[in-house]
Amino acid sequence: MPPVVNTEKPHSAVVVLGKKPPGDAEIHPDFAANLRAAAELVKPGKSGLLVISGGATRNGRQPEAQVGHEYLRQRVAVPILLETDSRTTAENIVNVRRLLEPYGIETVTFVTSAYHVRRTRLLVERLWPAVAATASYEYGQDTDRWPERLINVVYLPYAAIDPGNQTIVRFTRRIFRNA
């Protein structure tokens, strides 16, 4: 029997930010943990919508959002929206904002890695100020991989200066291509 879906207009959303899987893995362990954390947040009556955000990070791979949807589809009883075009955190936020505008969402909970929360918060304040004051941030687990922490340290100052800075994105992708 399919899950029962609330058909009332939602006023809140839970947004899971995608994460590139390491090597040949299908899903990053942190992303799976964040999806499970989001599933707990979207129990009926707690949230209106679940959004999974993340595009294809490698040629020939499924978008992160699609992988996340397959992982969660039997675990939640709320509508799931997919944002499959973004490749950076800034693109995640801008694309999800556009996706949710027709719904009149008032509050958003972002689910991401613990070390990624500060950068996400900063980008939400810059790119989606309408929800920044009411936004909350959650995370599942972190595998504490040093290259990801270093990338976050590099990105954070640039996120404050220019959230859409593609120069630093290209630079760090070259350096940490397999991180």
Foldseek 3Di string as FASTA:
>chain_A
DAAAEDPPQWQEEEEEEADDDFDPDLHNPQSLQLLVVVLVQQAPPRGAEYEYEFADQDPPHHTRQVSSCVSCVRRHRHYYHYHHPDHDLLCRLQSVCVVCVVSNHQEYEYEYEPLCVVLNLLSCCVRPVSHSVRYHYHGGYDPPDVLVNVLSVVVRVVCNVPVVDVVSVVVSCVVPVND
